[in-house]
């Protein structure tokens, strides 16, 4: 799974990840990559968790390779990720390797 966002309050990111967890989606992932969340703050009058704490709370218990800061989404420069292609993630090196061609 790969995600990123722009201008979203952190409590809303937490709510979105909670929804994915309750729907059983997070339990099915085999890896997680988070880009950035530019202009994402705590939101006025809401909790004080950082984005890193929210991601750790939801992703760390899954024990899947994961990292944040990938150059995907709204970042410039950005890399294109093929949706639905099988990839191999090396979280320690922060790399993604396609296992098979995206187009046959």
Protein backbone atom coordinates (compact mmCIF):
# COMPACT_ATOMS: atom_id res chain seq x y z
CA UNK A 1 0.00 0.00 0.00
CA UNK A 2 1.26 3.48 -0.75
CA UNK A 3 -0.22 6.74 0.51
CA UNK A 4 0.49 10.45 0.66
CA UNK A 5 -1.53 13.62 1.13
CA UNK A 6 -1.46 17.40 1.08
CA UNK A 7 -3.14 19.86 3.44
CA UNK A 8 -4.81 17.24 5.60
CA UNK A 9 -5.15 17.54 9.37
CA UNK A 10 -3.32 14.76 11.20
CA UNK A 11 -6.46 13.69 13.07
CA UNK A 12 -8.10 13.10 9.67
CA UNK A 13 -5.17 10.93 8.51
CA UNK A 14 -5.63 8.95 11.74
CA UNK A 15 -9.34 8.61 11.02
CA UNK A 16 -8.70 7.42 7.46
CA UNK A 17 -6.20 4.80 8.64
CA UNK A 18 -8.62 3.71 11.38
CA UNK A 19 -11.32 3.24 8.73
CA UNK A 20 -8.95 1.09 6.64
CA UNK A 21 -8.09 -0.95 9.74
CA UNK A 22 -11.74 -1.48 10.73
CA UNK A 23 -12.56 -2.51 7.15
CA UNK A 24 -9.82 -5.17 7.32
CA UNK A 25 -7.72 -3.54 4.60
CA UNK A 26 -4.57 -2.85 6.65
CA UNK A 27 -4.40 -6.45 7.86
CA UNK A 28 -4.07 -7.60 4.24
CA UNK A 29 -1.14 -5.41 3.17
CA UNK A 30 2.32 -6.87 2.73
CA UNK A 31 4.19 -3.54 2.74
CA UNK A 32 3.55 0.15 3.35
CA UNK A 33 5.10 3.23 1.78
CA UNK A 34 4.16 6.76 2.81
CA UNK A 35 5.20 9.75 0.75
CA UNK A 36 4.78 13.06 2.51
CA UNK A 37 1.97 15.04 4.02
CA UNK A 38 2.83 18.63 3.15
CA UNK A 39 0.92 21.29 5.09
CA UNK A 40 -0.51 18.65 7.41
CA UNK A 41 -0.93 19.92 10.95
CA UNK A 42 -2.70 18.71 14.05
CA UNK A 43 -5.92 20.64 13.35
CA UNK A 44 -7.27 23.29 15.64
CA UNK A 45 -8.73 21.91 18.85
CA UNK A 46 -7.70 18.32 18.14
CA UNK A 47 -5.16 15.89 19.58
CA UNK A 48 -1.45 16.44 19.63
CA UNK A 49 -0.17 13.25 17.98
CA UNK A 50 2.41 13.77 15.28
CA UNK A 51 2.00 12.23 11.85
CA UNK A 52 4.89 9.87 12.67
CA UNK A 53 3.10 8.70 15.83
CA UNK A 54 -0.15 8.09 13.92
CA UNK A 55 1.65 6.09 11.22
CA UNK A 56 3.58 4.10 13.83
CA UNK A 57 0.39 3.32 15.78
CA UNK A 58 -1.32 1.89 12.71
CA UNK A 59 1.53 0.35 10.69
CA UNK A 60 4.15 -0.90 13.17
CA UNK A 61 1.87 -3.62 14.64
CA UNK A 62 1.42 -5.08 11.13
CA UNK A 63 5.10 -6.13 11.01
CA UNK A 64 5.40 -5.37 7.30
CA UNK A 65 8.24 -3.57 5.53
CA UNK A 66 7.47 0.14 5.68
CA UNK A 67 8.98 3.58 5.39
CA UNK A 68 7.95 7.18 4.90
CA UNK A 69 9.36 9.99 2.83
CA UNK A 70 9.05 8.29 -0.57
CA UNK A 71 9.14 10.61 -3.57
CA UNK A 72 5.59 9.84 -4.70
CA UNK A 73 2.37 11.76 -5.13
CA UNK A 74 2.54 15.55 -5.02
CA UNK A 75 6.33 15.76 -4.51
CA UNK A 76 8.61 17.23 -7.13
CA UNK A 77 10.53 15.36 -8.40
CA UNK A 78 8.29 12.35 -8.13
CA UNK A 79 8.44 8.74 -9.16
CA UNK A 80 5.57 6.84 -10.72
CA UNK A 81 4.35 3.74 -8.94
CA UNK A 82 2.51 1.12 -10.98
CA UNK A 83 -0.84 0.34 -9.36
CA UNK A 84 -1.47 -3.39 -9.11
CA UNK A 85 2.02 -4.50 -10.15
CA UNK A 86 3.92 -6.93 -7.98
CA UNK A 87 6.88 -5.24 -6.30
CA UNK A 88 9.54 -6.07 -3.76
CA UNK A 89 10.09 -3.57 -0.95
CA UNK A 90 13.36 -3.13 0.91
CA UNK A 91 12.41 -0.81 3.77
CA UNK A 92 15.97 -0.65 5.11
CA UNK A 93 17.23 0.77 1.83
CA UNK A 94 13.94 2.57 1.01
CA UNK A 95 13.68 0.93 -2.40
CA UNK A 96 10.96 -0.59 -4.53
CA UNK A 97 11.82 -3.14 -7.22
CA UNK A 98 9.32 -4.37 -9.76
CA UNK A 99 9.18 -8.16 -9.80
CA UNK A 100 7.53 -8.30 -13.22
CA UNK A 101 6.90 -5.79 -16.01
CA UNK A 102 3.96 -3.42 -15.43
CA UNK A 103 2.84 -3.93 -19.02
CA UNK A 104 2.99 -7.18 -20.95
